[in-house]
Amino acid sequence: MKGWRAAWWSLILLGIPAAGRAEFDQCRLIDQVLNRLGNAMAINRLIIAEGKDSTAVAAASDALAEQNESYRRTKRQRANAPKPAAMAGNGTDWLAV
C-alpha cells in the first residue's frame, strides 16, 4: 500500500505541475523573443525614418527585412504552440461548439 501511495504522490508532486510549467515557460519565452524583436524593429524603423546616413539606412533596411521574416515565423510558432493547461477551461470552451 505504501508503494502505491508513494507513486501517487510522486506523480502529483513531480509530474503534473512540471508539465504545466514547461508549457507556460515556452509561451513566455516566445513572448519575450517577440518583444525583443519588436524593440529591435522599432530602432531600425527610426534609423530609416531619420535617413541621415545612407549606409546606416541601408543596413537598417536589410536588418528590418530579416526581422520582419523572423517576426512572422515566430508568430506562427506561437500560434501553433500547445496551449498551457492553465488556460484550458477559461470560459471560452462554449465557442468551440
N, C-alpha and C. Protein backbone atom coordinates (compact mmCIF):
# COMPACT_ATOMS: atom_id res chain seq x y z
N MET A 1 0.81 -1.19 0.00
CA MET A 1 0.00 0.00 0.00
C MET A 1 0.86 1.27 0.00
N LYS A 2 1.96 1.23 0.74
CA LYS A 2 2.82 2.39 0.81
C LYS A 2 3.46 2.67 -0.55
N GLY A 3 3.76 1.62 -1.30
CA GLY A 3 4.37 1.79 -2.62
C GLY A 3 3.45 2.54 -3.57
N TRP A 4 2.16 2.19 -3.57
CA TRP A 4 1.19 2.88 -4.42
C TRP A 4 1.03 4.34 -4.00
N ARG A 5 1.02 4.54 -2.69
CA ARG A 5 0.86 5.90 -2.17
C ARG A 5 2.06 6.77 -2.55
N ALA A 6 3.26 6.22 -2.45
CA ALA A 6 4.46 6.96 -2.82
C ALA A 6 4.46 7.27 -4.31
N ALA A 7 4.06 6.31 -5.12
CA ALA A 7 4.00 6.54 -6.57
C ALA A 7 2.96 7.61 -6.89
N TRP A 8 1.83 7.57 -6.23
CA TRP A 8 0.78 8.56 -6.45
C TRP A 8 1.26 9.97 -6.09
N TRP A 9 1.89 10.12 -4.95
CA TRP A 9 2.37 11.43 -4.53
C TRP A 9 3.49 11.95 -5.43
N SER A 10 4.36 11.04 -5.85
CA SER A 10 5.43 11.49 -6.74
C SER A 10 4.86 11.94 -8.08
N LEU A 11 3.83 11.26 -8.57
CA LEU A 11 3.18 11.68 -9.80
C LEU A 11 2.54 13.06 -9.64
N ILE A 12 1.86 13.25 -8.55
CA ILE A 12 1.20 14.54 -8.32
C ILE A 12 2.22 15.66 -8.12
N LEU A 13 3.23 15.42 -7.30
CA LEU A 13 4.16 16.49 -6.96
C LEU A 13 5.17 16.78 -8.06
N LEU A 14 5.54 15.79 -8.84
CA LEU A 14 6.58 15.99 -9.84
C LEU A 14 6.08 16.02 -11.27
N GLY A 15 5.14 15.19 -11.59
CA GLY A 15 4.74 15.04 -12.98
C GLY A 15 3.82 16.09 -13.51
N ILE A 16 2.71 16.30 -12.90
CA ILE A 16 1.68 17.18 -13.45
C ILE A 16 2.08 18.65 -13.42
N PRO A 17 2.53 19.21 -12.30
CA PRO A 17 2.89 20.63 -12.32
C PRO A 17 4.08 20.94 -13.22
N ALA A 18 5.02 20.02 -13.32
CA ALA A 18 6.20 20.28 -14.16
C ALA A 18 5.81 20.44 -15.62
N ALA A 19 4.88 19.65 -16.09
CA ALA A 19 4.44 19.76 -17.48
C ALA A 19 3.75 21.10 -17.71
N GLY A 20 2.94 21.55 -16.80
CA GLY A 20 2.27 22.83 -16.94
C GLY A 20 3.24 23.99 -16.95
N ARG A 21 4.24 23.92 -16.10
CA ARG A 21 5.25 24.98 -16.07
C ARG A 21 6.06 24.99 -17.36
N ALA A 22 6.37 23.83 -17.90
CA ALA A 22 7.16 23.77 -19.13
C ALA A 22 6.40 24.43 -20.28
N GLU A 23 5.11 24.17 -20.39
CA GLU A 23 4.32 24.79 -21.45
C GLU A 23 4.24 26.29 -21.24
N PHE A 24 4.04 26.72 -20.02
CA PHE A 24 3.95 28.15 -19.74
C PHE A 24 5.28 28.83 -20.05
N ASP A 25 6.37 28.19 -19.68
CA ASP A 25 7.67 28.78 -19.96
C ASP A 25 7.92 28.90 -21.45
N GLN A 26 7.43 27.94 -22.24
CA GLN A 26 7.60 28.02 -23.68
C GLN A 26 6.85 29.22 -24.24
N CYS A 27 5.63 29.42 -23.81
CA CYS A 27 4.86 30.57 -24.27
C CYS A 27 5.50 31.87 -23.82
N ARG A 28 5.96 31.90 -22.59
CA ARG A 28 6.59 33.11 -22.08
C ARG A 28 7.88 33.41 -22.82
N LEU A 29 8.62 32.37 -23.16
CA LEU A 29 9.86 32.56 -23.91
C LEU A 29 9.58 33.13 -25.29
N ILE A 30 8.57 32.60 -25.96
CA ILE A 30 8.20 33.11 -27.28
C ILE A 30 7.76 34.57 -27.18
N ASP A 31 7.02 34.91 -26.14
CA ASP A 31 6.60 36.30 -25.95
C ASP A 31 7.80 37.23 -25.73
N GLN A 32 8.78 36.76 -24.97
CA GLN A 32 9.98 37.56 -24.75
C GLN A 32 10.75 37.77 -26.05
N VAL A 33 10.84 36.72 -26.86
CA VAL A 33 11.52 36.83 -28.15
C VAL A 33 10.80 37.86 -29.02
N LEU A 34 9.49 37.79 -29.06
CA LEU A 34 8.71 38.73 -29.87
C LEU A 34 8.89 40.17 -29.37
N ASN A 35 8.94 40.36 -28.05
CA ASN A 35 9.13 41.71 -27.51
C ASN A 35 10.50 42.27 -27.88
N ARG A 36 11.53 41.46 -27.75
CA ARG A 36 12.87 41.93 -28.12
C ARG A 36 12.98 42.20 -29.60
N LEU A 37 12.37 41.34 -30.38
CA LEU A 37 12.39 41.53 -31.83
C LEU A 37 11.65 42.80 -32.21
N GLY A 38 10.52 43.05 -31.57
CA GLY A 38 9.76 44.27 -31.83
C GLY A 38 10.54 45.52 -31.47
N ASN A 39 11.29 45.47 -30.37
CA ASN A 39 12.13 46.61 -29.99
C ASN A 39 13.21 46.88 -31.02
N ALA A 40 13.87 45.81 -31.48
CA ALA A 40 14.92 45.97 -32.49
C ALA A 40 14.34 46.50 -33.80
N MET A 41 13.13 46.05 -34.14
CA MET A 41 12.48 46.53 -35.36
C MET A 41 12.16 48.02 -35.24
N ALA A 42 11.72 48.45 -34.08
CA ALA A 42 11.41 49.87 -33.87
C ALA A 42 12.65 50.75 -34.02
N ILE A 43 13.76 50.26 -33.50
CA ILE A 43 15.02 51.01 -33.64
C ILE A 43 15.40 51.14 -35.10
N ASN A 44 15.29 50.04 -35.85
CA ASN A 44 15.63 50.09 -37.28
C ASN A 44 14.68 51.00 -38.05
N ARG A 45 13.41 51.01 -37.69
CA ARG A 45 12.46 51.91 -38.35
C ARG A 45 12.82 53.37 -38.08
N LEU A 46 13.28 53.65 -36.87
CA LEU A 46 13.69 55.01 -36.52
C LEU A 46 14.91 55.43 -37.33
N ILE A 47 15.86 54.53 -37.47
CA ILE A 47 17.06 54.83 -38.27
C ILE A 47 16.67 55.11 -39.72
N ILE A 48 15.75 54.32 -40.25
CA ILE A 48 15.31 54.51 -41.62
C ILE A 48 14.56 55.84 -41.76
N ALA A 49 13.71 56.14 -40.78
CA ALA A 49 12.91 57.38 -40.85
C ALA A 49 13.79 58.63 -40.77
N GLU A 50 14.83 58.57 -39.97
CA GLU A 50 15.72 59.74 -39.87
C GLU A 50 16.47 59.96 -41.17
N GLY A 51 16.97 58.88 -41.78
CA GLY A 51 17.60 58.95 -43.08
C GLY A 51 18.84 59.83 -43.17
N LYS A 52 19.59 60.00 -42.09
CA LYS A 52 20.76 60.87 -42.10
C LYS A 52 21.96 60.23 -42.81
N ASP A 53 22.21 58.96 -42.52
CA ASP A 53 23.37 58.27 -43.07
C ASP A 53 22.86 57.17 -44.00
N SER A 54 23.21 57.26 -45.29
CA SER A 54 22.68 56.30 -46.27
C SER A 54 23.17 54.88 -46.01
N THR A 55 24.39 54.72 -45.50
CA THR A 55 24.87 53.36 -45.22
C THR A 55 24.15 52.78 -44.01
N ALA A 56 23.87 53.61 -43.00
CA ALA A 56 23.12 53.14 -41.83
C ALA A 56 21.69 52.80 -42.22
N VAL A 57 21.10 53.59 -43.10
CA VAL A 57 19.74 53.32 -43.57
C VAL A 57 19.68 52.01 -44.33
N ALA A 58 20.67 51.78 -45.19
CA ALA A 58 20.70 50.53 -45.95
C ALA A 58 20.87 49.32 -45.03
N ALA A 59 21.75 49.44 -44.04
CA ALA A 59 21.95 48.35 -43.09
C ALA A 59 20.70 48.11 -42.26
N ALA A 60 20.05 49.19 -41.83
CA ALA A 60 18.82 49.06 -41.04
C ALA A 60 17.70 48.47 -41.87
N SER A 61 17.66 48.83 -43.14
CA SER A 61 16.63 48.29 -44.02
C SER A 61 16.81 46.78 -44.23
N ASP A 62 18.05 46.36 -44.43
CA ASP A 62 18.32 44.93 -44.57
C ASP A 62 17.98 44.17 -43.29
N ALA A 63 18.39 44.74 -42.15
CA ALA A 63 18.10 44.10 -40.87
C ALA A 63 16.60 44.03 -40.62
N LEU A 64 15.88 45.09 -40.99
CA LEU A 64 14.43 45.12 -40.79
C LEU A 64 13.73 44.07 -41.64
N ALA A 65 14.21 43.86 -42.85
CA ALA A 65 13.62 42.83 -43.71
C ALA A 65 13.79 41.44 -43.09
N GLU A 66 14.97 41.16 -42.54
CA GLU A 66 15.20 39.88 -41.87
C GLU A 66 14.36 39.77 -40.60
N GLN A 67 14.25 40.86 -39.87
CA GLN A 67 13.47 40.85 -38.63
C GLN A 67 11.99 40.65 -38.91
N ASN A 68 11.48 41.21 -39.99
CA ASN A 68 10.08 41.01 -40.36
C ASN A 68 9.80 39.54 -40.62
N GLU A 69 10.69 38.88 -41.34
CA GLU A 69 10.51 37.45 -41.62
C GLU A 69 10.60 36.64 -40.33
N SER A 70 11.54 36.97 -39.49
CA SER A 70 11.69 36.28 -38.22
C SER A 70 10.47 36.50 -37.33
N TYR A 71 9.92 37.70 -37.35
CA TYR A 71 8.73 38.01 -36.56
C TYR A 71 7.54 37.17 -37.04
N ARG A 72 7.37 37.10 -38.36
CA ARG A 72 6.26 36.29 -38.91
C ARG A 72 6.42 34.82 -38.53
N ARG A 73 7.64 34.31 -38.63
CA ARG A 73 7.91 32.91 -38.31
C ARG A 73 7.64 32.63 -36.83
N THR A 74 8.07 33.54 -35.96
CA THR A 74 7.87 33.35 -34.53
C THR A 74 6.40 33.46 -34.16
N LYS A 75 5.66 34.34 -34.82
CA LYS A 75 4.22 34.45 -34.57
C LYS A 75 3.50 33.16 -34.97
N ARG A 76 3.93 32.55 -36.08
CA ARG A 76 3.34 31.26 -36.49
C ARG A 76 3.64 30.19 -35.46
N GLN A 77 4.87 30.18 -34.93
CA GLN A 77 5.23 29.21 -33.90
C GLN A 77 4.39 29.42 -32.65
N ARG A 78 4.16 30.66 -32.30
CA ARG A 78 3.36 30.97 -31.12
C ARG A 78 1.91 30.51 -31.31
N ALA A 79 1.39 30.70 -32.51
CA ALA A 79 0.02 30.29 -32.78
C ALA A 79 -0.13 28.77 -32.77
N ASN A 80 0.92 28.07 -33.19
CA ASN A 80 0.86 26.61 -33.25
C ASN A 80 1.34 25.93 -31.97
N ALA A 81 1.83 26.70 -31.01
CA ALA A 81 2.31 26.13 -29.76
C ALA A 81 1.14 25.58 -28.96
N PRO A 82 1.37 24.49 -28.24
CA PRO A 82 0.28 23.95 -27.41
C PRO A 82 -0.07 24.93 -26.31
N LYS A 83 -1.36 25.02 -26.05
CA LYS A 83 -1.83 25.93 -25.02
C LYS A 83 -1.52 25.35 -23.65
N PRO A 84 -1.12 26.17 -22.69
CA PRO A 84 -0.84 25.68 -21.35
C PRO A 84 -2.11 25.14 -20.70
N ALA A 85 -1.92 24.19 -19.82
CA ALA A 85 -3.07 23.59 -19.12
C ALA A 85 -3.81 24.63 -18.31
N ALA A 86 -3.12 25.66 -17.85
CA ALA A 86 -3.76 26.70 -17.04
C ALA A 86 -4.81 27.46 -17.84
N MET A 87 -4.68 27.50 -19.16
CA MET A 87 -5.62 28.24 -19.98
C MET A 87 -6.83 27.38 -20.38
N ALA A 88 -6.74 26.07 -20.17
CA ALA A 88 -7.85 25.20 -20.53
C ALA A 88 -9.04 25.49 -19.62
N GLY A 89 -10.21 25.54 -20.20
CA GLY A 89 -11.41 25.76 -19.43
C GLY A 89 -11.54 27.17 -18.88
N ASN A 90 -11.07 28.16 -19.63
CA ASN A 90 -11.10 29.53 -19.14
C ASN A 90 -12.40 30.24 -19.49
N GLY A 91 -13.45 29.46 -19.77
CA GLY A 91 -14.74 30.07 -20.03
C GLY A 91 -15.06 30.25 -21.50
N THR A 92 -14.12 29.93 -22.38
CA THR A 92 -14.38 30.09 -23.81
C THR A 92 -14.61 28.75 -24.49
N ASP A 93 -14.78 27.69 -23.71
CA ASP A 93 -14.98 26.36 -24.28
C ASP A 93 -16.26 26.29 -25.10
N TRP A 94 -17.25 27.06 -24.75
CA TRP A 94 -18.52 27.02 -25.45
C TRP A 94 -18.40 27.56 -26.87
N LEU A 95 -17.33 28.33 -27.16
CA LEU A 95 -17.15 28.87 -28.50
C LEU A 95 -16.86 27.79 -29.54
N ALA A 96 -16.28 26.68 -29.08
CA ALA A 96 -15.90 25.60 -30.00
C ALA A 96 -17.09 24.74 -30.40
N VAL A 97 -18.22 24.92 -29.77
CA VAL A 97 -19.38 24.07 -30.05
C VAL A 97 -20.01 24.43 -31.36
